[in-house]
Amino acid sequence: MRAQTYRAVFSGYSSPSSLLEACAQPARSAAAAVRRQLREYRRRVRTRHELMTLSESDLRDIFRTRAEVEAEARKPFWRA
C-alpha cells in the first residue's frame, strides 16, 4: 500500500532533482520578496534624505513645504 502512495505522490516528477526543484521554488520566491522589500526600504530612506537636502526654491517647484518634507522624513522606513 505504501509503495502505491509514494508512486502517486512522486509520479509528476521525472527525477529526484525535479522534486527538489519544486520544493525549493517557494523558498526562492520568499527570498525574492524579502529582497524586493529591502530595496523598497532603502529607496524610501534615500528619497527622504534627498528631500531634506532640497532648498526652499526647489520645494516650491515641487509644490511642497518644509513642514511636509520634515513630516515625511520623520516617518520610519517601513511606513509608506
Protein backbone atom coordinates (compact mmCIF):
# COMPACT_ATOMS: atom_id res chain seq x y z
CA MET A 1 0.00 0.00 0.00
CA ARG A 2 2.79 2.45 0.84
CA ALA A 3 4.53 1.87 -2.48
CA GLN A 4 1.38 2.85 -4.32
CA THR A 5 1.09 6.02 -2.23
CA TYR A 6 4.70 7.02 -2.95
CA ARG A 7 4.23 6.35 -6.64
CA ALA A 8 1.13 8.54 -6.66
CA VAL A 9 2.90 11.39 -4.90
CA PHE A 10 6.09 11.29 -6.97
CA SER A 11 4.55 10.38 -10.32
CA GLY A 12 4.56 14.00 -11.50
CA TYR A 13 8.34 14.33 -11.11
CA SER A 14 10.75 12.86 -13.62
CA SER A 15 13.66 12.64 -11.18
CA PRO A 16 14.58 13.35 -7.56
CA SER A 17 16.21 16.60 -8.66
CA SER A 18 12.96 17.83 -10.20
CA LEU A 19 11.21 17.09 -6.90
CA LEU A 20 13.87 19.07 -5.04
CA GLU A 21 13.49 21.90 -7.54
CA ALA A 22 9.73 22.00 -6.91
CA CYS A 23 10.32 22.13 -3.15
CA ALA A 24 12.94 24.89 -3.45
CA GLN A 25 10.72 27.21 -5.51
CA PRO A 26 8.67 28.61 -2.58
CA ALA A 27 11.88 29.40 -0.66
CA ARG A 28 13.31 31.26 -3.67
CA SER A 29 10.15 33.29 -4.15
CA ALA A 30 10.09 34.16 -0.43
CA ALA A 31 13.72 35.27 -0.61
CA ALA A 32 12.94 37.36 -3.69
CA ALA A 33 10.06 39.02 -1.84
CA VAL A 34 12.37 39.89 1.06
CA ARG A 35 14.93 41.37 -1.35
CA ARG A 36 12.23 43.47 -3.04
CA GLN A 37 11.02 44.75 0.32
CA LEU A 38 14.56 45.67 1.43
CA ARG A 39 15.12 47.54 -1.85
CA GLU A 40 11.89 49.46 -1.22
CA TYR A 41 13.01 50.35 2.32
CA ARG A 42 16.38 51.61 1.05
CA ARG A 43 14.63 53.65 -1.67
CA ARG A 44 12.40 55.32 0.94
CA VAL A 45 15.35 56.22 3.15
CA ARG A 46 17.32 57.62 0.20
CA THR A 47 14.36 59.60 -1.17
CA ARG A 48 13.50 61.10 2.21
CA HIS A 49 17.11 62.10 2.73
CA GLU A 50 17.21 63.75 -0.70
CA LEU A 51 14.00 65.65 0.07
CA MET A 52 15.62 67.09 3.21
CA THR A 53 18.52 68.46 1.16
CA LEU A 54 16.30 70.47 -1.22
CA SER A 55 16.28 74.23 -1.00
CA GLU A 56 13.15 76.29 -0.40
CA SER A 57 13.12 77.19 -4.09
CA ASP A 58 13.29 73.52 -5.08
CA LEU A 59 10.46 72.70 -2.69
CA ARG A 60 8.29 75.42 -4.22
CA ASP A 61 8.98 73.90 -7.64
CA ILE A 62 7.58 70.54 -6.49
CA PHE A 63 4.73 72.19 -4.56
CA ARG A 64 5.87 71.06 -1.10
CA THR A 65 6.53 72.94 2.11
CA ARG A 66 9.41 72.40 4.50
CA ALA A 67 6.89 71.14 7.10
CA GLU A 68 5.57 68.49 4.70
CA VAL A 69 9.09 67.34 3.88
CA GLU A 70 10.06 67.17 7.55
CA ALA A 71 6.93 65.16 8.35
CA GLU A 72 7.80 62.74 5.55
CA ALA A 73 11.41 62.46 6.75
CA ARG A 74 10.27 61.63 10.29
CA LYS A 75 8.38 58.56 9.11
CA PRO A 76 10.04 55.21 9.83
CA PHE A 77 11.40 53.49 6.73
CA TRP A 78 8.76 50.76 6.85
CA ARG A 79 5.89 53.26 6.51
CA ALA A 80 4.91 54.37 3.03
